[in-house]
Amino acid sequence: MSTPRGRARARYHDPEWWLLSVLLMLVMFGTVMVFSASFPDVAVEEGLARYSVLVRQLVYVAVGCAGLIVAMRIDYHAYYRHSFWMMLGIVALLMALVFMPGVGTEVFGAKRWIIIGPLSFQPSELAKPLMILYMASWLSAKGKRVTSFSHGLVQFSVVMGLLVGLVMLEPDLGTSALLVTVGVAMFFVAGAQPVQFASFLILGATAFLTMALSAPYRRERIFVFLNPDADVQNLGWQLYQARLALGSGGLLGLGLGASRQKFSWLPAAHNDAIFAVIGEELGLIGCGFVVMLFCAIAYRGYKIATRAPDSFGTLIAVGITTWLIFQAAFNIGGITTAIPFTGIPLPFISAGGTSLVVSMTALGVLLNVSRQTLSAAELAPTTEGGRLPRKRTATRQHTREFHPTRRRSTRAPSRPAPMRGEAFGRAASDGGRSPGGMGGGSRR
């Protein structure tokens, strides 16, 4: 391995403004809906002022904006060398939450919260971005070895099993399912073989069903999903009221603030069930607007992944985009009874501090990746002799200089083996290597 010769400054350009605009639209829309869904009875029940929930949400938005700006300005390659320690820290925190008495606070039968004075947060929310950063660095460092059974599937299963197992012990089935979904997506994009992919899906599905059926309250949720009208006075109450809210809205809704179900009928109206309030007040048009915004995040996020300057950036973009999109899908699917209800919040819209701040900060990381993406011309195939045109060689060379363990070279890099599909393969223009320079490639 070559001796480090310093680190060249990253070539930045404007971030993905469309993605930033969609984020701001979601956050502003969510703040309005949180106030609309919470003012009838939440403040009265908690003995607080009428606008307390709105003020608290605005504070979370301000903190999230600060995290977004900071993350957008930090070069995402800086996370590569520290991702292991960040992952180790969140695993230790989850172990303390689950196994050490007095660390976590039990709410509705689950120890998901750590309360320190007036502040409270959920470690499982922090686990989402930290797992993505660690998996991105680990998979990009593996390179082609990810296709092997021992270096790929076995090690991936051990890491995912440890993290998901701790989250399940809280217990939190929804976050566990989301972590598995994100991890499998990153593993697939990194180059996992179809046999590995199928093997993990079978193993994961078996483990998921075992855990889902092992606890009585999880079995009850599955039975409610299969027959929503069987017990509308008890277990099916929230979903029954959510369906009433969605049906009452019709096409155009009853009007902003005019929801009837939020008046002590619909539990957690400003949290997990806020999509039902959107449907009642803004109708099918409002629900379609929310879904359209998340589809825009998916399109822009995966487009950033295809143009990232290296495999580390590609995997980060895939992980963050998959996380946000599938979390929204789990929430909307649960409220509409398309899938079993898990109680997972709707990103950027549901009330809550940890989820909002962490999600906005993670999107800041994605925006930093977008500031370093390659243009269509720079992603064009090589010409004669496998060399790039002279005008593009400097740009390709610059993306290689992000890696401190590589020697600088005026030669154009050889074409790497694709990660998964032509689009993601072209994005890994660093020769399949991680930012730490742990893969193959041309040398002087």
Protein backbone atom coordinates (compact mmCIF):
# COMPACT_ATOMS: atom_id res chain seq x y z
CA MET A 1 0.00 0.00 0.00
CA SER A 2 1.34 3.41 -0.92
CA THR A 3 2.38 5.99 1.63
CA PRO A 4 -0.11 8.82 2.23
CA ARG A 5 0.89 12.05 0.56
CA GLY A 6 -1.77 14.33 2.00
CA ARG A 7 -5.36 14.79 1.10
CA ALA A 8 -6.56 16.93 -1.77
CA ARG A 9 -9.50 19.20 -1.18
CA ALA A 10 -12.80 17.92 -2.52
CA ARG A 11 -14.19 19.63 -5.60
CA TYR A 12 -17.52 20.98 -4.49
CA HIS A 13 -20.37 22.31 -6.58
CA ASP A 14 -23.93 23.29 -5.79
CA PRO A 15 -25.97 20.71 -3.86
CA GLU A 16 -29.12 19.08 -5.16
CA TRP A 17 -31.43 22.07 -4.78
CA TRP A 18 -34.53 20.10 -5.72
CA LEU A 19 -33.88 17.65 -2.88
CA LEU A 20 -33.35 20.50 -0.41
CA SER A 21 -36.57 22.16 -1.61
CA VAL A 22 -38.56 18.95 -1.13
CA LEU A 23 -37.15 18.57 2.38
CA LEU A 24 -38.14 22.11 3.36
CA MET A 25 -41.63 21.59 1.94
CA LEU A 26 -42.07 18.42 3.98
CA VAL A 27 -40.80 20.04 7.19
CA MET A 28 -43.00 23.13 6.83
CA PHE A 29 -46.03 21.04 5.88
CA GLY A 30 -45.35 18.70 8.81
CA THR A 31 -45.11 21.58 11.29
CA VAL A 32 -48.50 22.89 10.21
CA MET A 33 -50.09 19.44 10.43
CA VAL A 34 -48.56 18.75 13.86
CA PHE A 35 -50.18 21.92 15.18
CA SER A 36 -53.49 21.08 13.51
CA ALA A 37 -53.50 17.52 14.88
CA SER A 38 -52.37 18.38 18.40
CA PHE A 39 -54.16 21.54 19.51
CA PRO A 40 -57.57 19.97 20.43
CA ASP A 41 -56.63 17.83 23.40
CA VAL A 42 -52.90 17.07 23.68
CA ALA A 43 -52.10 20.29 25.51
CA VAL A 44 -55.09 19.82 27.82
CA GLU A 45 -54.12 16.26 28.69
CA GLU A 46 -50.53 17.22 29.46
CA GLY A 47 -51.55 20.34 31.37
CA LEU A 48 -49.51 22.56 29.08
CA ALA A 49 -50.25 25.69 27.10
CA ARG A 50 -52.22 25.40 23.87
CA TYR A 51 -49.22 26.12 21.66
CA SER A 52 -46.70 24.05 23.60
CA VAL A 53 -46.56 21.23 21.05
CA LEU A 54 -46.08 23.70 18.21
CA VAL A 55 -43.31 25.55 20.06
CA ARG A 56 -41.56 22.30 20.88
CA GLN A 57 -41.81 21.19 17.26
CA LEU A 58 -40.36 24.50 16.06
CA VAL A 59 -37.40 24.01 18.41
CA TYR A 60 -36.82 20.56 16.91
CA VAL A 61 -37.01 22.06 13.42
CA ALA A 62 -34.39 24.66 14.36
CA VAL A 63 -32.04 22.00 15.75
CA GLY A 64 -32.65 19.85 12.67
CA CYS A 65 -31.82 22.75 10.36
CA ALA A 66 -28.56 23.29 12.24
CA GLY A 67 -27.70 19.60 11.85
CA LEU A 68 -28.63 19.77 8.16
CA ILE A 69 -26.32 22.73 7.50
CA VAL A 70 -23.40 21.26 9.42
CA ALA A 71 -23.73 17.82 7.77
CA MET A 72 -24.04 19.40 4.34
CA ARG A 73 -20.70 21.19 4.83
CA ILE A 74 -18.71 18.22 6.19
CA ASP A 75 -17.04 16.08 3.55
CA TYR A 76 -18.75 12.70 3.78
CA HIS A 77 -15.38 10.94 3.42
CA ALA A 78 -14.57 12.10 6.95
CA TYR A 79 -17.02 9.51 8.29
CA TYR A 80 -15.11 6.62 6.75
CA ARG A 81 -12.36 6.34 9.36
CA HIS A 82 -14.70 6.89 12.31
CA SER A 83 -17.67 4.75 11.26
CA PHE A 84 -16.50 1.69 13.23
CA TRP A 85 -16.26 3.63 16.48
CA MET A 86 -19.61 5.28 15.89
CA MET A 87 -21.16 1.87 15.30
CA LEU A 88 -19.47 0.50 18.41
CA GLY A 89 -20.81 3.43 20.41
CA ILE A 90 -24.43 2.93 19.35
CA VAL A 91 -24.20 -0.82 20.05
CA ALA A 92 -22.89 -0.08 23.55
CA LEU A 93 -25.67 2.46 24.10
CA LEU A 94 -28.33 -0.01 22.99
CA MET A 95 -26.88 -2.68 25.26
CA ALA A 96 -26.97 -0.28 28.20
CA LEU A 97 -30.55 0.65 27.35
CA VAL A 98 -31.70 -2.96 27.21
CA PHE A 99 -29.65 -4.64 29.94
CA MET A 100 -28.77 -1.97 32.52
CA PRO A 101 -31.55 -1.08 34.98
CA GLY A 102 -32.28 2.60 35.32
CA VAL A 103 -30.81 3.64 31.96
CA GLY A 104 -33.94 3.45 29.82
CA THR A 105 -37.45 4.66 30.52
CA GLU A 106 -40.33 2.31 29.80
CA VAL A 107 -43.21 3.80 27.83
CA PHE A 108 -46.17 1.63 26.77
CA GLY A 109 -44.24 -1.51 27.67
CA ALA A 110 -41.07 -0.70 25.67
CA LYS A 111 -37.71 0.69 26.87
CA ARG A 112 -36.89 2.87 23.87
CA TRP A 113 -36.16 6.18 25.55
CA ILE A 114 -33.27 7.66 27.51
CA ILE A 115 -34.33 10.70 29.54
CA ILE A 116 -31.72 13.11 30.87
CA GLY A 117 -33.37 16.00 32.68
CA PRO A 118 -35.67 17.82 30.27
CA LEU A 119 -34.14 16.04 27.26
CA SER A 120 -35.13 12.64 25.89
CA PHE A 121 -34.06 10.70 22.82
CA GLN A 122 -34.35 7.28 21.20
CA PRO A 123 -31.04 5.46 20.58
CA SER A 124 -32.74 3.34 17.89
CA GLU A 125 -33.19 6.51 15.81
CA LEU A 126 -29.45 7.18 16.01
CA ALA A 127 -28.80 3.57 14.98
CA LYS A 128 -30.25 4.19 11.50
CA PRO A 129 -27.69 6.69 10.13
CA LEU A 130 -24.77 5.19 12.07
CA MET A 131 -25.53 1.74 10.66
CA ILE A 132 -25.64 3.23 7.15
CA LEU A 133 -22.23 4.92 7.56
CA TYR A 134 -20.67 1.76 8.97
CA MET A 135 -22.18 -0.52 6.34
CA ALA A 136 -21.09 1.85 3.57
CA SER A 137 -17.48 1.88 4.78
CA TRP A 138 -17.44 -1.85 5.46
CA LEU A 139 -18.99 -2.90 2.16
CA SER A 140 -16.87 -0.50 0.10
CA ALA A 141 -13.73 -1.81 1.83
CA LYS A 142 -14.72 -5.41 1.04
CA GLY A 143 -14.83 -4.77 -2.70
CA LYS A 144 -15.24 -8.01 -4.63
CA ARG A 145 -14.89 -10.08 -1.45
CA VAL A 146 -18.49 -9.20 -0.61
CA THR A 147 -19.53 -11.91 -3.07
CA SER A 148 -17.89 -14.65 -1.01
CA PHE A 149 -19.85 -16.61 1.58
CA SER A 150 -17.52 -16.14 4.54
CA HIS A 151 -16.44 -12.54 3.92
CA GLY A 152 -19.81 -11.41 2.62
CA LEU A 153 -22.99 -13.13 3.77
CA VAL A 154 -21.75 -14.51 7.10
CA GLN A 155 -20.15 -11.30 8.34
CA PHE A 156 -23.05 -9.20 7.09
CA SER A 157 -25.53 -11.45 8.90
CA VAL A 158 -23.56 -11.24 12.15
CA VAL A 159 -23.41 -7.43 12.10
CA MET A 160 -27.07 -7.04 11.19
CA GLY A 161 -28.13 -9.71 13.67
CA LEU A 162 -26.34 -7.96 16.54
CA LEU A 163 -27.84 -4.53 15.86
CA VAL A 164 -31.34 -5.72 14.99
CA GLY A 165 -31.37 -8.12 17.95
CA LEU A 166 -30.68 -5.28 20.40
CA VAL A 167 -33.42 -3.13 18.88
CA MET A 168 -35.84 -6.06 19.06
CA LEU A 169 -35.12 -6.44 22.77
CA GLU A 170 -36.46 -2.93 23.49
CA PRO A 171 -38.78 -4.12 21.79
CA ASP A 172 -39.20 -2.23 18.48
CA LEU A 173 -40.33 -4.40 15.60
CA GLY A 174 -40.90 -1.52 13.16
CA THR A 175 -37.38 -0.09 13.49
CA SER A 176 -35.92 -3.60 13.32
CA ALA A 177 -37.71 -4.30 10.04
CA LEU A 178 -36.54 -0.93 8.69
CA LEU A 179 -32.90 -1.59 9.62
CA VAL A 180 -33.01 -4.96 7.87
CA THR A 181 -34.57 -3.40 4.76
CA VAL A 182 -31.88 -0.72 4.54
CA GLY A 183 -29.05 -3.16 5.21
CA VAL A 184 -30.25 -5.63 2.57
CA ALA A 185 -30.59 -2.85 -0.01
CA MET A 186 -27.00 -1.71 0.61
CA PHE A 187 -25.74 -5.31 0.55
CA PHE A 188 -27.44 -5.90 -2.78
CA VAL A 189 -26.09 -2.70 -4.36
CA ALA A 190 -22.59 -3.52 -3.08
CA GLY A 191 -22.57 -6.61 -5.27
CA ALA A 192 -24.10 -9.48 -3.30
CA GLN A 193 -24.83 -12.54 -5.40
CA PRO A 194 -28.46 -13.55 -5.95
CA VAL A 195 -27.87 -16.73 -3.94
CA GLN A 196 -26.60 -14.68 -0.99
CA PHE A 197 -29.49 -12.28 -1.33
CA ALA A 198 -32.05 -15.10 -1.39
CA SER A 199 -30.38 -16.89 1.52
CA PHE A 200 -30.46 -13.80 3.70
CA LEU A 201 -34.08 -13.09 2.79
CA ILE A 202 -35.11 -16.62 3.78
CA LEU A 203 -33.13 -16.43 7.02
CA GLY A 204 -34.44 -12.97 7.80
CA ALA A 205 -38.05 -13.86 7.03
CA THR A 206 -37.83 -16.89 9.31
CA ALA A 207 -36.34 -14.86 12.15
CA PHE A 208 -38.86 -12.07 11.63
CA LEU A 209 -41.86 -14.40 11.79
CA THR A 210 -40.43 -16.12 14.87
CA MET A 211 -39.98 -12.82 16.70
CA ALA A 212 -43.31 -11.46 15.48
CA LEU A 213 -45.22 -14.46 16.76
CA SER A 214 -43.26 -14.89 19.99
CA ALA A 215 -44.76 -11.88 21.77
CA PRO A 216 -48.53 -11.72 22.45
CA TYR A 217 -48.91 -8.05 21.49
CA ARG A 218 -47.19 -8.66 18.14
CA ARG A 219 -49.48 -11.59 17.39
CA GLU A 220 -52.44 -9.40 18.21
CA ARG A 221 -51.26 -6.74 15.74
CA ILE A 222 -50.98 -9.35 13.02
CA PHE A 223 -54.49 -10.64 13.80
CA VAL A 224 -55.83 -7.07 13.68
CA PHE A 225 -54.18 -6.59 10.30
CA LEU A 226 -55.76 -9.79 8.97
CA ASN A 227 -59.21 -8.82 10.35
CA PRO A 228 -59.33 -5.07 11.16
CA ASP A 229 -63.01 -5.16 12.20
CA ALA A 230 -62.68 -8.05 14.66
CA ASP A 231 -61.99 -5.92 17.76
CA VAL A 232 -62.62 -2.26 16.97
CA GLN A 233 -63.29 -1.40 20.64
CA ASN A 234 -59.84 -2.48 21.82
CA LEU A 235 -56.93 -3.59 19.65
CA GLY A 236 -58.34 -2.30 16.38
CA TRP A 237 -59.52 1.06 17.76
CA GLN A 238 -56.71 3.22 16.37
CA LEU A 239 -56.78 1.69 12.90
CA TYR A 240 -60.58 1.85 12.83
CA GLN A 241 -60.53 5.55 13.68
CA ALA A 242 -57.75 6.13 11.14
CA ARG A 243 -59.84 4.54 8.40
CA LEU A 244 -62.81 6.68 9.43
CA ALA A 245 -60.63 9.77 9.15
CA LEU A 246 -59.30 8.81 5.73
CA GLY A 247 -62.77 7.96 4.47
CA SER A 248 -64.30 11.17 5.81
CA GLY A 249 -61.82 13.30 3.90
CA GLY A 250 -62.91 12.20 0.45
CA LEU A 251 -61.19 13.86 -2.48
CA LEU A 252 -60.64 17.41 -1.16
CA GLY A 253 -60.92 16.93 2.61
CA LEU A 254 -62.90 18.73 5.28
CA GLY A 255 -60.51 21.67 5.38
CA LEU A 256 -57.32 22.44 7.32
CA GLY A 257 -58.03 22.18 11.05
CA ALA A 258 -61.50 20.69 10.52
CA SER A 259 -60.74 17.10 11.43
CA ARG A 260 -63.23 15.48 13.81
CA GLN A 261 -61.35 12.27 14.61
CA LYS A 262 -58.45 14.13 16.22
CA PHE A 263 -60.74 15.25 19.04
CA SER A 264 -59.85 12.38 21.42
CA TRP A 265 -61.03 9.73 18.96
CA LEU A 266 -57.82 8.99 17.08
CA PRO A 267 -54.90 8.02 19.37
CA ALA A 268 -51.49 9.57 18.60
CA ALA A 269 -53.06 11.86 16.03
CA HIS A 270 -49.98 14.10 15.85
CA ASN A 271 -47.49 11.22 15.95
CA ASP A 272 -47.92 7.83 14.30
CA ALA A 273 -51.41 8.53 12.91
CA ILE A 274 -50.81 11.98 11.45
CA PHE A 275 -51.29 10.69 7.90
CA ALA A 276 -54.92 9.91 8.78
CA VAL A 277 -55.43 13.53 9.89
CA ILE A 278 -53.89 14.69 6.60
CA GLY A 279 -56.36 12.52 4.72
CA GLU A 280 -59.34 13.82 6.69
CA GLU A 281 -58.45 17.50 6.45
CA LEU A 282 -56.85 17.64 2.99
CA GLY A 283 -58.40 14.59 1.37
CA LEU A 284 -56.92 12.36 -1.29
CA ILE A 285 -55.24 15.41 -2.83
CA GLY A 286 -53.30 16.10 0.37
CA CYS A 287 -52.29 12.44 0.77
CA GLY A 288 -51.17 12.33 -2.85
CA PHE A 289 -49.11 15.48 -2.30
CA VAL A 290 -47.24 13.83 0.59
CA VAL A 291 -46.63 10.64 -1.40
CA MET A 292 -45.42 12.70 -4.36
CA LEU A 293 -42.85 14.50 -2.18
CA PHE A 294 -41.45 11.20 -0.92
CA CYS A 295 -41.30 9.90 -4.48
CA ALA A 296 -39.28 13.00 -5.35
CA ILE A 297 -36.85 12.18 -2.53
CA ALA A 298 -36.53 8.66 -3.89
CA TYR A 299 -35.83 9.86 -7.42
CA ARG A 300 -33.30 12.51 -6.41
CA GLY A 301 -31.64 10.33 -3.79
CA TYR A 302 -31.04 7.38 -6.08
CA LYS A 303 -29.92 9.73 -8.84
CA ILE A 304 -27.27 11.07 -6.46
CA ALA A 305 -26.22 7.47 -5.80
CA THR A 306 -25.66 6.82 -9.51
CA ARG A 307 -23.38 9.86 -9.79
CA ALA A 308 -21.44 9.62 -6.55
CA PRO A 309 -17.64 9.85 -7.06
CA ASP A 310 -16.91 6.54 -5.30
CA SER A 311 -18.57 3.42 -3.93
CA PHE A 312 -18.62 4.84 -0.38
CA GLY A 313 -20.74 7.78 -1.53
CA THR A 314 -22.98 5.52 -3.59
CA LEU A 315 -23.73 3.25 -0.63
CA ILE A 316 -24.38 6.20 1.69
CA ALA A 317 -26.85 7.68 -0.79
CA VAL A 318 -28.60 4.33 -1.29
CA GLY A 319 -28.82 3.74 2.46
CA ILE A 320 -30.21 7.15 3.43
CA THR A 321 -32.70 7.23 0.55
CA THR A 322 -33.93 3.70 1.23
CA TRP A 323 -34.30 4.48 4.94
CA LEU A 324 -36.46 7.56 4.46
CA ILE A 325 -38.61 6.10 1.69
CA PHE A 326 -39.33 2.78 3.38
CA GLN A 327 -39.99 4.43 6.75
CA ALA A 328 -42.62 6.57 5.04
CA ALA A 329 -44.00 3.47 3.31
CA PHE A 330 -44.20 1.55 6.61
CA ASN A 331 -46.09 4.41 8.27
CA ILE A 332 -48.53 5.03 5.41
CA GLY A 333 -49.02 1.31 4.83
CA GLY A 334 -49.76 0.71 8.52
CA ILE A 335 -52.30 3.54 8.78
CA THR A 336 -54.10 2.40 5.63
CA THR A 337 -53.94 -1.27 6.83
CA ALA A 338 -51.98 -2.25 3.73
CA ILE A 339 -49.37 -3.79 6.04
CA PRO A 340 -49.37 -4.55 9.79
CA PHE A 341 -49.20 -1.40 11.90
CA THR A 342 -45.80 -0.89 13.55
CA GLY A 343 -46.07 2.57 15.12
CA ILE A 344 -43.15 4.00 13.17
CA PRO A 345 -43.26 7.81 12.61
CA LEU A 346 -43.73 9.52 9.27
CA PRO A 347 -40.39 11.21 8.43
CA PHE A 348 -40.31 15.03 8.62
CA ILE A 349 -44.04 15.20 9.39
CA SER A 350 -44.81 13.32 12.63
CA ALA A 351 -44.19 15.12 15.91
CA GLY A 352 -41.02 14.12 17.70
CA GLY A 353 -37.54 15.46 18.29
CA THR A 354 -35.15 12.56 17.77
CA SER A 355 -36.68 11.36 14.52
CA LEU A 356 -36.88 14.83 12.97
CA VAL A 357 -33.38 15.98 13.96
CA VAL A 358 -31.71 12.72 12.95
CA SER A 359 -33.57 12.54 9.63
CA MET A 360 -32.73 16.13 8.68
CA THR A 361 -29.07 15.65 9.62
CA ALA A 362 -28.91 12.45 7.56
CA LEU A 363 -30.34 14.30 4.57
CA GLY A 364 -27.57 16.85 5.07
CA VAL A 365 -25.06 14.02 4.57
CA LEU A 366 -26.87 13.05 1.38
CA LEU A 367 -26.71 16.66 0.19
CA ASN A 368 -22.95 16.66 0.81
CA VAL A 369 -22.66 13.63 -1.46
CA SER A 370 -24.67 15.57 -4.05
CA ARG A 371 -22.12 18.41 -3.86
CA GLN A 372 -19.41 16.02 -5.10
CA THR A 373 -21.28 14.09 -7.77
CA LEU A 374 -19.87 13.64 -11.27
CA SER A 375 -21.51 15.04 -14.37
CA ALA A 376 -22.87 12.92 -17.21
CA ALA A 377 -19.77 13.72 -19.27
CA GLU A 378 -17.47 12.54 -16.47
CA LEU A 379 -19.43 9.31 -16.18
CA ALA A 380 -19.16 8.65 -19.93
CA PRO A 381 -17.47 5.39 -21.02
CA THR A 382 -13.75 5.38 -21.74
CA THR A 383 -12.46 5.78 -25.29
CA GLU A 384 -9.70 4.11 -27.23
CA GLY A 385 -7.28 1.96 -25.27
CA GLY A 386 -9.40 2.20 -22.14
CA ARG A 387 -8.21 5.78 -21.53
CA LEU A 388 -10.38 8.77 -20.85
CA PRO A 389 -10.23 11.85 -23.09
CA ARG A 390 -7.55 14.26 -21.91
CA LYS A 391 -10.07 16.88 -20.80
CA ARG A 392 -11.81 14.46 -18.40
CA THR A 393 -8.72 12.82 -16.96
CA ALA A 394 -8.07 15.64 -14.49
CA THR A 395 -11.56 15.37 -13.06
CA ARG A 396 -11.32 11.63 -12.68
CA GLN A 397 -7.91 12.08 -11.08
CA HIS A 398 -9.35 14.57 -8.63
CA THR A 399 -11.99 12.14 -7.42
CA ARG A 400 -9.22 9.63 -6.78
CA GLU A 401 -7.34 12.16 -4.64
CA PHE A 402 -10.05 11.88 -1.98
CA HIS A 403 -8.28 8.71 -0.86
CA PRO A 404 -5.24 9.47 1.30
CA THR A 405 -3.50 6.11 0.84
CA ARG A 406 -3.24 6.35 -2.94
CA ARG A 407 -0.41 7.77 -4.98
CA ARG A 408 -1.31 10.50 -7.37
CA SER A 409 -1.17 9.49 -10.97
CA THR A 410 -1.78 11.18 -14.31
CA ARG A 411 -2.98 7.91 -15.75
CA ALA A 412 -6.69 7.38 -16.12
CA PRO A 413 -8.05 4.69 -13.80
CA SER A 414 -9.04 1.35 -15.24
CA ARG A 415 -12.71 0.52 -15.50
CA PRO A 416 -13.92 -1.18 -12.31
CA ALA A 417 -16.16 -4.16 -12.00
CA PRO A 418 -19.76 -2.93 -11.59
CA MET A 419 -21.31 -2.88 -8.11
CA ARG A 420 -24.87 -3.74 -9.00
CA GLY A 421 -26.28 -2.74 -12.34
CA GLU A 422 -24.70 -0.42 -14.89
CA ALA A 423 -25.80 2.78 -13.16
CA PHE A 424 -24.31 1.96 -9.79
CA GLY A 425 -21.30 0.37 -11.44
CA ARG A 426 -20.43 3.60 -13.19
CA ALA A 427 -20.85 5.49 -9.93
CA ALA A 428 -18.07 3.43 -8.37
CA SER A 429 -15.51 5.13 -10.60
CA ASP A 430 -12.82 4.78 -7.97
CA GLY A 431 -11.99 1.27 -9.12
CA GLY A 432 -14.27 -0.38 -6.58
CA ARG A 433 -12.13 0.93 -3.76
CA SER A 434 -13.21 2.51 -0.56
CA PRO A 435 -12.04 5.97 0.50
CA GLY A 436 -9.41 4.21 2.55
CA GLY A 437 -7.82 2.77 -0.60
CA MET A 438 -8.44 -0.86 0.31
CA GLY A 439 -9.30 -2.18 -3.11
CA GLY A 440 -7.70 -2.74 -6.47
CA GLY A 441 -6.79 -0.20 -9.12
CA SER A 442 -3.98 1.12 -11.25
CA ARG A 443 -0.73 2.21 -9.65
CA ARG A 444 2.37 3.87 -10.86
